[in-house]
Structure formats: C-alpha cells, structure tokens
C-alpha cells in the first residue's frame, strides 16, 4: 500500500493500527504476497495504464481513500521515468475538469490531463523498492483558481519553487480521487495524479 498524503497517515495511522496489530500483520503479509504475484505478472512491455484483461488496474483502485496499490504505483514510476517529457506530455487530453471527474472518476482514470495552479506543498519522498529506477519522487499539492487542491507525484525533480507564490502546471495521469479529514475535522476531496515533470508557468 502506497500512501499518497502524509497528513492522512498522521491522522489515520494511530486509529487504523489501534490494538489489532496481530490480525493486521497477517493480513498485511497476505496482501504483500498478492502484490508480489501481481508485479510478476506485469511485463515490462505493458502499457503505462493496463485497462483491459484480468490484471486491469481499475479493479484495484478505490476512490475516496488515501492509498493506491503498491504494484500499480511502482509500475507507473518505472514507466514514467523511462519516458521523455515530450512523450509523456503528448498524451495530454487537455485541461482537467474537476467537477465532472468528481461525479465520474472512472471516466478520467488512466489518462493524462493538464492541471495548474498555485503551488502549496512540494517535498521529496523516497521510493523504497530496490527495483525502482528512481529513488525519490517529488510529491506535492497545488490549488486551482477556486482553491481546490490537487495532489501529485512527479518523477523528475522540479526547479526551485516558492511555496504559495509560484504558479505551476503538469500534464499528468489521473489515478484516483482522494478523501481525508484534516486535524481540524474538515473533509477534503482531491484528485491524485502521477506525472513526469512539474513546471513553473506565468
């Protein structure tokens, strides 16, 4: 399981583990074995997003949670790191439509969209899998002109940015809708994307 948002782990982590560590440990080991089996079934020549067949990614994606399956995340990291910026951005279908996607995330999933806005957060996150071609991804959040957040991970290190001042954009693959509750109790729903690069724009 790959966490998307640090705050979610901070808020939900202690509650999720609670006093049932023993049963969760067994479930975690079982899940890990399933993930390893799935990873072995994803050939290197597979497309970026597997949309057909018994191993299609959509069946493993749960919207309105805070994680994605590890085998999907690592596959996307590997494929995106091997692409050129031009190739990755050539897949873009235009500007992301937040409202429409909120009503039907599956329609947008597995496709590249342009998102842009004010950079709110940007930080490196380690990729712990030894088979990953990159050791670090760059995770962050931007806010559109209506101050709606979008979360992203990009595999290429961005230029130095000033948080809450610089406008940025990326053409990235929509993975899922994320939902979490902040420490103040506010419910937040946001799209999560994975892409090649994040750029400053005017």
C-alpha atoms as a PDB file:
ATOM      1  CA  UNK A   1       0.000   0.000   0.000  1.00  0.00           C
ATOM      2  CA  UNK A   2       1.436   3.376  -1.003  1.00  0.00           C
ATOM      3  CA  UNK A   3       0.381   6.407   0.986  1.00  0.00           C
ATOM      4  CA  UNK A   4      -0.478   9.492  -1.039  1.00  0.00           C
ATOM      5  CA  UNK A   5      -0.768  12.222   1.538  1.00  0.00           C
ATOM      6  CA  UNK A   6       1.424  12.471   4.638  1.00  0.00           C
ATOM      7  CA  UNK A   7      -1.306  14.095   6.690  1.00  0.00           C
ATOM      8  CA  UNK A   8      -3.587  11.131   6.105  1.00  0.00           C
ATOM      9  CA  UNK A   9      -1.058   8.770   7.623  1.00  0.00           C
ATOM     10  CA  UNK A  10      -0.610  11.126  10.560  1.00  0.00           C
ATOM     11  CA  UNK A  11      -4.336  11.432  11.169  1.00  0.00           C
ATOM     12  CA  UNK A  12      -5.480   7.894  10.433  1.00  0.00           C
ATOM     13  CA  UNK A  13      -2.361   5.875  11.246  1.00  0.00           C
ATOM     14  CA  UNK A  14      -2.779   5.517  15.026  1.00  0.00           C
ATOM     15  CA  UNK A  15      -6.513   4.883  14.655  1.00  0.00           C
ATOM     16  CA  UNK A  16      -6.018   2.311  11.917  1.00  0.00           C
ATOM     17  CA  UNK A  17      -3.457   0.306  13.862  1.00  0.00           C
ATOM     18  CA  UNK A  18      -5.033   0.597  17.306  1.00  0.00           C
ATOM     19  CA  UNK A  19      -4.974  -2.671  19.247  1.00  0.00           C
ATOM     20  CA  UNK A  20      -5.365  -5.083  16.325  1.00  0.00           C
ATOM     21  CA  UNK A  21      -1.733  -5.262  15.216  1.00  0.00           C
ATOM     22  CA  UNK A  22      -1.654  -9.050  15.275  1.00  0.00           C
ATOM     23  CA  UNK A  23      -4.530  -9.583  12.853  1.00  0.00           C
ATOM     24  CA  UNK A  24      -3.348  -6.741  10.641  1.00  0.00           C
ATOM     25  CA  UNK A  25       0.116  -8.262  10.447  1.00  0.00           C
ATOM     26  CA  UNK A  26      -1.298 -11.459   8.977  1.00  0.00           C
ATOM     27  CA  UNK A  27      -3.463  -9.526   6.527  1.00  0.00           C
ATOM     28  CA  UNK A  28      -0.502  -7.359   5.530  1.00  0.00           C
ATOM     29  CA  UNK A  29       1.687 -10.393   4.806  1.00  0.00           C
ATOM     30  CA  UNK A  30      -1.076 -11.962   2.728  1.00  0.00           C
ATOM     31  CA  UNK A  31      -1.606  -8.730   0.811  1.00  0.00           C
ATOM     32  CA  UNK A  32       2.136  -8.394   0.209  1.00  0.00           C
ATOM     33  CA  UNK A  33       2.245 -11.895  -1.298  1.00  0.00           C
ATOM     34  CA  UNK A  34      -0.628 -10.979  -3.620  1.00  0.00           C
ATOM     35  CA  UNK A  35       1.156  -7.794  -4.681  1.00  0.00           C
ATOM     36  CA  UNK A  36       4.390  -9.664  -5.431  1.00  0.00           C
ATOM     37  CA  UNK A  37       2.423 -12.127  -7.581  1.00  0.00           C
ATOM     38  CA  UNK A  38       0.757  -9.254  -9.434  1.00  0.00           C
ATOM     39  CA  UNK A  39       4.077  -7.484 -10.021  1.00  0.00           C
ATOM     40  CA  UNK A  40       5.486 -10.657 -11.590  1.00  0.00           C
ATOM     41  CA  UNK A  41       2.530 -10.705 -13.988  1.00  0.00           C
ATOM     42  CA  UNK A  42       3.133  -7.147 -15.264  1.00  0.00           C
ATOM     43  CA  UNK A  43       5.592  -7.490 -18.155  1.00  0.00           C
ATOM     44  CA  UNK A  44       7.986  -4.615 -18.821  1.00  0.00           C
ATOM     45  CA  UNK A  45       6.346  -4.030 -22.204  1.00  0.00           C
ATOM     46  CA  UNK A  46       2.912  -3.468 -20.637  1.00  0.00           C
ATOM     47  CA  UNK A  47       1.291  -0.082 -21.284  1.00  0.00           C
ATOM     48  CA  UNK A  48       1.504   2.679 -18.722  1.00  0.00           C
ATOM     49  CA  UNK A  49      -2.095   2.049 -17.636  1.00  0.00           C
ATOM     50  CA  UNK A  50      -3.415  -1.501 -18.008  1.00  0.00           C
ATOM     51  CA  UNK A  51      -7.094  -1.025 -18.864  1.00  0.00           C
ATOM     52  CA  UNK A  52      -8.042  -4.485 -20.139  1.00  0.00           C
ATOM     53  CA  UNK A  53      -7.728  -8.104 -19.078  1.00  0.00           C
ATOM     54  CA  UNK A  54      -7.682  -9.849 -15.699  1.00  0.00           C
ATOM     55  CA  UNK A  55      -4.935  -7.588 -14.316  1.00  0.00           C
ATOM     56  CA  UNK A  56      -6.555  -4.282 -15.352  1.00  0.00           C
ATOM     57  CA  UNK A  57      -5.693  -1.571 -12.852  1.00  0.00           C
ATOM     58  CA  UNK A  58      -9.185  -0.146 -12.367  1.00  0.00           C
ATOM     59  CA  UNK A  59     -10.310  -3.173 -10.358  1.00  0.00           C
ATOM     60  CA  UNK A  60      -7.645  -2.443  -7.723  1.00  0.00           C
ATOM     61  CA  UNK A  61      -8.342   1.295  -7.396  1.00  0.00           C
ATOM     62  CA  UNK A  62     -10.613   2.530  -4.636  1.00  0.00           C
ATOM     63  CA  UNK A  63     -11.640   6.161  -4.923  1.00  0.00           C
ATOM     64  CA  UNK A  64     -12.050   8.270  -1.799  1.00  0.00           C
ATOM     65  CA  UNK A  65      -9.317   6.530   0.173  1.00  0.00           C
ATOM     66  CA  UNK A  66      -5.726   7.639   0.831  1.00  0.00           C
ATOM     67  CA  UNK A  67      -3.650   4.952  -0.927  1.00  0.00           C
ATOM     68  CA  UNK A  68      -3.052   3.094  -4.170  1.00  0.00           C
ATOM     69  CA  UNK A  69      -1.843  -0.497  -4.562  1.00  0.00           C
ATOM     70  CA  UNK A  70       1.929  -0.734  -4.477  1.00  0.00           C
ATOM     71  CA  UNK A  71       2.227  -2.772  -7.680  1.00  0.00           C
ATOM     72  CA  UNK A  72       0.376  -0.059  -9.641  1.00  0.00           C
ATOM     73  CA  UNK A  73       2.362   2.772  -8.077  1.00  0.00           C
ATOM     74  CA  UNK A  74       5.736   1.148  -8.792  1.00  0.00           C
ATOM     75  CA  UNK A  75       4.708   0.266 -12.358  1.00  0.00           C
ATOM     76  CA  UNK A  76       3.758   3.909 -13.011  1.00  0.00           C
ATOM     77  CA  UNK A  77       7.030   5.158 -11.522  1.00  0.00           C
ATOM     78  CA  UNK A  78       9.033   2.791 -13.739  1.00  0.00           C
ATOM     79  CA  UNK A  79       7.145   3.667 -16.927  1.00  0.00           C
ATOM     80  CA  UNK A  80       7.124   7.426 -16.310  1.00  0.00           C
ATOM     81  CA  UNK A  81      10.841   7.502 -15.502  1.00  0.00           C
ATOM     82  CA  UNK A  82      11.578   5.797 -18.842  1.00  0.00           C
ATOM     83  CA  UNK A  83       9.540   8.312 -20.862  1.00  0.00           C
ATOM     84  CA  UNK A  84      10.812  11.591 -22.212  1.00  0.00           C
ATOM     85  CA  UNK A  85       8.993  14.753 -21.147  1.00  0.00           C
ATOM     86  CA  UNK A  86       7.767  15.228 -24.730  1.00  0.00           C
ATOM     87  CA  UNK A  87       6.347  11.706 -24.878  1.00  0.00           C
ATOM     88  CA  UNK A  88       4.605  11.963 -21.503  1.00  0.00           C
ATOM     89  CA  UNK A  89       3.079  15.337 -22.312  1.00  0.00           C
ATOM     90  CA  UNK A  90       1.946  14.199 -25.770  1.00  0.00           C
ATOM     91  CA  UNK A  91      -0.698  12.042 -24.064  1.00  0.00           C
ATOM     92  CA  UNK A  92      -2.465  15.052 -22.525  1.00  0.00           C
ATOM     93  CA  UNK A  93      -6.189  15.300 -23.276  1.00  0.00           C
ATOM     94  CA  UNK A  94      -6.486  18.923 -22.222  1.00  0.00           C
ATOM     95  CA  UNK A  95      -7.397  20.685 -19.008  1.00  0.00           C
ATOM     96  CA  UNK A  96      -8.666  18.602 -16.114  1.00  0.00           C
ATOM     97  CA  UNK A  97     -12.371  19.077 -15.290  1.00  0.00           C
ATOM     98  CA  UNK A  98     -12.656  18.832 -11.504  1.00  0.00           C
ATOM     99  CA  UNK A  99     -16.461  18.913 -11.347  1.00  0.00           C
ATOM    100  CA  UNK A 100     -17.043  16.228 -13.973  1.00  0.00           C
ATOM    101  CA  UNK A 101     -14.339  13.983 -12.559  1.00  0.00           C
ATOM    102  CA  UNK A 102     -15.837  14.253  -9.072  1.00  0.00           C
ATOM    103  CA  UNK A 103     -19.056  12.757 -10.453  1.00  0.00           C
ATOM    104  CA  UNK A 104     -17.395  10.015 -12.533  1.00  0.00           C
ATOM    105  CA  UNK A 105     -13.697   9.413 -11.697  1.00  0.00           C
ATOM    106  CA  UNK A 106     -13.516   6.260 -13.848  1.00  0.00           C
ATOM    107  CA  UNK A 107     -14.074   8.355 -16.971  1.00  0.00           C
ATOM    108  CA  UNK A 108     -10.843  10.270 -16.294  1.00  0.00           C
ATOM    109  CA  UNK A 109      -8.735   7.481 -14.799  1.00  0.00           C
ATOM    110  CA  UNK A 110      -5.602   6.318 -16.578  1.00  0.00           C
ATOM    111  CA  UNK A 111      -5.494   9.392 -18.842  1.00  0.00           C
ATOM    112  CA  UNK A 112      -3.216  12.420 -18.859  1.00  0.00           C
ATOM    113  CA  UNK A 113      -4.650  15.839 -18.034  1.00  0.00           C
ATOM    114  CA  UNK A 114      -3.230  19.314 -17.536  1.00  0.00           C
ATOM    115  CA  UNK A 115      -3.550  20.653 -14.011  1.00  0.00           C
ATOM    116  CA  UNK A 116      -2.296  24.059 -12.945  1.00  0.00           C
ATOM    117  CA  UNK A 117      -2.467  26.439 -10.022  1.00  0.00           C
ATOM    118  CA  UNK A 118      -0.638  27.820  -7.021  1.00  0.00           C
ATOM    119  CA  UNK A 119       1.967  25.500  -5.520  1.00  0.00           C
ATOM    120  CA  UNK A 120       1.040  24.778  -1.910  1.00  0.00           C
ATOM    121  CA  UNK A 121       3.409  21.951  -0.996  1.00  0.00           C
ATOM    122  CA  UNK A 122       6.394  20.198  -2.548  1.00  0.00           C
ATOM    123  CA  UNK A 123       8.685  17.665  -0.916  1.00  0.00           C
ATOM    124  CA  UNK A 124      10.773  14.589  -1.824  1.00  0.00           C
ATOM    125  CA  UNK A 125       9.522  11.122  -0.924  1.00  0.00           C
ATOM    126  CA  UNK A 126      11.678   8.000  -1.003  1.00  0.00           C
ATOM    127  CA  UNK A 127      10.763   5.051  -3.199  1.00  0.00           C
ATOM    128  CA  UNK A 128      11.835   2.140  -1.049  1.00  0.00           C
ATOM    129  CA  UNK A 129      11.555  -0.633  -3.642  1.00  0.00           C
ATOM    130  CA  UNK A 130      15.108  -1.623  -4.733  1.00  0.00           C
ATOM    131  CA  UNK A 131      13.882  -2.356  -8.269  1.00  0.00           C
ATOM    132  CA  UNK A 132      12.684   1.197  -8.809  1.00  0.00           C
ATOM    133  CA  UNK A 133      14.751   3.168 -11.374  1.00  0.00           C
ATOM    134  CA  UNK A 134      14.358   6.281  -9.219  1.00  0.00           C
ATOM    135  CA  UNK A 135      14.988   6.532  -5.504  1.00  0.00           C
ATOM    136  CA  UNK A 136      12.949   9.691  -4.976  1.00  0.00           C
ATOM    137  CA  UNK A 137       9.710  11.127  -6.317  1.00  0.00           C
ATOM    138  CA  UNK A 138       8.548  14.687  -5.744  1.00  0.00           C
ATOM    139  CA  UNK A 139       5.185  14.930  -4.054  1.00  0.00           C
ATOM    140  CA  UNK A 140       3.065  17.986  -3.619  1.00  0.00           C
ATOM    141  CA  UNK A 141      -0.204  19.824  -3.833  1.00  0.00           C
ATOM    142  CA  UNK A 142      -1.388  22.709  -5.932  1.00  0.00           C
ATOM    143  CA  UNK A 143      -4.527  24.813  -5.675  1.00  0.00           C
ATOM    144  CA  UNK A 144      -6.580  25.875  -8.687  1.00  0.00           C
ATOM    145  CA  UNK A 145      -8.247  29.265  -9.139  1.00  0.00           C
ATOM    146  CA  UNK A 146     -11.113  28.121  -6.894  1.00  0.00           C
ATOM    147  CA  UNK A 147      -8.626  26.991  -4.230  1.00  0.00           C
ATOM    148  CA  UNK A 148      -9.426  23.308  -4.788  1.00  0.00           C
ATOM    149  CA  UNK A 149      -6.410  21.078  -4.061  1.00  0.00           C
ATOM    150  CA  UNK A 150      -4.872  18.532  -6.411  1.00  0.00           C
ATOM    151  CA  UNK A 151      -2.174  16.110  -5.226  1.00  0.00           C
ATOM    152  CA  UNK A 152       0.627  14.902  -7.473  1.00  0.00           C
ATOM    153  CA  UNK A 153       3.829  12.857  -7.626  1.00  0.00           C
ATOM    154  CA  UNK A 154       6.348  13.582 -10.395  1.00  0.00           C
ATOM    155  CA  UNK A 155       9.449  11.523 -11.118  1.00  0.00           C
ATOM    156  CA  UNK A 156      11.666  14.377 -12.342  1.00  0.00           C
ATOM    157  CA  UNK A 157      12.991  16.927  -9.856  1.00  0.00           C
ATOM    158  CA  UNK A 158      11.293  20.310 -10.395  1.00  0.00           C
ATOM    159  CA  UNK A 159      13.054  23.650 -10.461  1.00  0.00           C
ATOM    160  CA  UNK A 160      13.255  25.539  -7.184  1.00  0.00           C
ATOM    161  CA  UNK A 161       9.805  26.910  -6.401  1.00  0.00           C
ATOM    162  CA  UNK A 162       8.458  29.349  -3.833  1.00  0.00           C
ATOM    163  CA  UNK A 163       5.528  27.812  -1.988  1.00  0.00           C
ATOM    164  CA  UNK A 164       2.281  29.785  -2.024  1.00  0.00           C
ATOM    165  CA  UNK A 165       3.738  32.190  -4.592  1.00  0.00           C
ATOM    166  CA  UNK A 166       4.632  30.336  -7.791  1.00  0.00           C
ATOM    167  CA  UNK A 167       2.092  29.130 -10.325  1.00  0.00           C
ATOM    168  CA  UNK A 168       2.839  25.659 -11.700  1.00  0.00           C
ATOM    169  CA  UNK A 169       1.469  23.132 -14.151  1.00  0.00           C
ATOM    170  CA  UNK A 170       1.897  19.489 -15.022  1.00  0.00           C
ATOM    171  CA  UNK A 171       0.420  17.130 -17.566  1.00  0.00           C
ATOM    172  CA  UNK A 172      -0.044  14.001 -15.535  1.00  0.00           C
ATOM    173  CA  UNK A 173      -2.000  10.788 -15.319  1.00  0.00           C
ATOM    174  CA  UNK A 174      -5.118  10.862 -13.151  1.00  0.00           C
ATOM    175  CA  UNK A 175      -5.075   7.912 -10.765  1.00  0.00           C
ATOM    176  CA  UNK A 176      -7.942   8.420  -8.332  1.00  0.00           C
ATOM    177  CA  UNK A 177      -9.911  10.721  -6.053  1.00  0.00           C
ATOM    178  CA  UNK A 178      -8.540  11.007  -2.534  1.00  0.00           C
ATOM    179  CA  UNK A 179     -10.603  11.795   0.541  1.00  0.00           C
ATOM    180  CA  UNK A 180      -9.316  12.523   4.021  1.00  0.00           C
ATOM    181  CA  UNK A 181     -10.162  14.506   7.125  1.00  0.00           C
ATOM    182  CA  UNK A 182      -7.828  17.220   8.385  1.00  0.00           C
ATOM    183  CA  UNK A 183      -6.874  17.603  12.032  1.00  0.00           C
ATOM    184  CA  UNK A 184      -9.488  20.350  12.301  1.00  0.00           C
ATOM    185  CA  UNK A 185     -12.149  17.900  11.144  1.00  0.00           C
ATOM    186  CA  UNK A 186     -12.569  19.327   7.654  1.00  0.00           C
ATOM    187  CA  UNK A 187     -13.277  16.792   4.888  1.00  0.00           C
ATOM    188  CA  UNK A 188     -11.055  17.217   1.839  1.00  0.00           C
ATOM    189  CA  UNK A 189     -11.618  15.569  -1.546  1.00  0.00           C
ATOM    190  CA  UNK A 190      -8.915  15.948  -4.189  1.00  0.00           C
ATOM    191  CA  UNK A 191      -7.665  14.264  -7.365  1.00  0.00           C
ATOM    192  CA  UNK A 192      -4.305  12.478  -7.321  1.00  0.00           C
ATOM    193  CA  UNK A 193      -2.003  12.484 -10.358  1.00  0.00           C
ATOM    194  CA  UNK A 194       1.316  10.940 -11.331  1.00  0.00           C
ATOM    195  CA  UNK A 195       3.494  12.589 -13.966  1.00  0.00           C
ATOM    196  CA  UNK A 196       6.917  13.231 -15.375  1.00  0.00           C
ATOM    197  CA  UNK A 197       7.632  16.863 -14.539  1.00  0.00           C
ATOM    198  CA  UNK A 198       6.242  19.961 -12.797  1.00  0.00           C
ATOM    199  CA  UNK A 199       6.863  23.385 -14.342  1.00  0.00           C
ATOM    200  CA  UNK A 200       6.528  26.992 -13.290  1.00  0.00           C
ATOM    201  CA  UNK A 201       4.275  28.982 -15.609  1.00  0.00           C
ATOM    202  CA  UNK A 202       3.242  32.620 -15.942  1.00  0.00           C
END
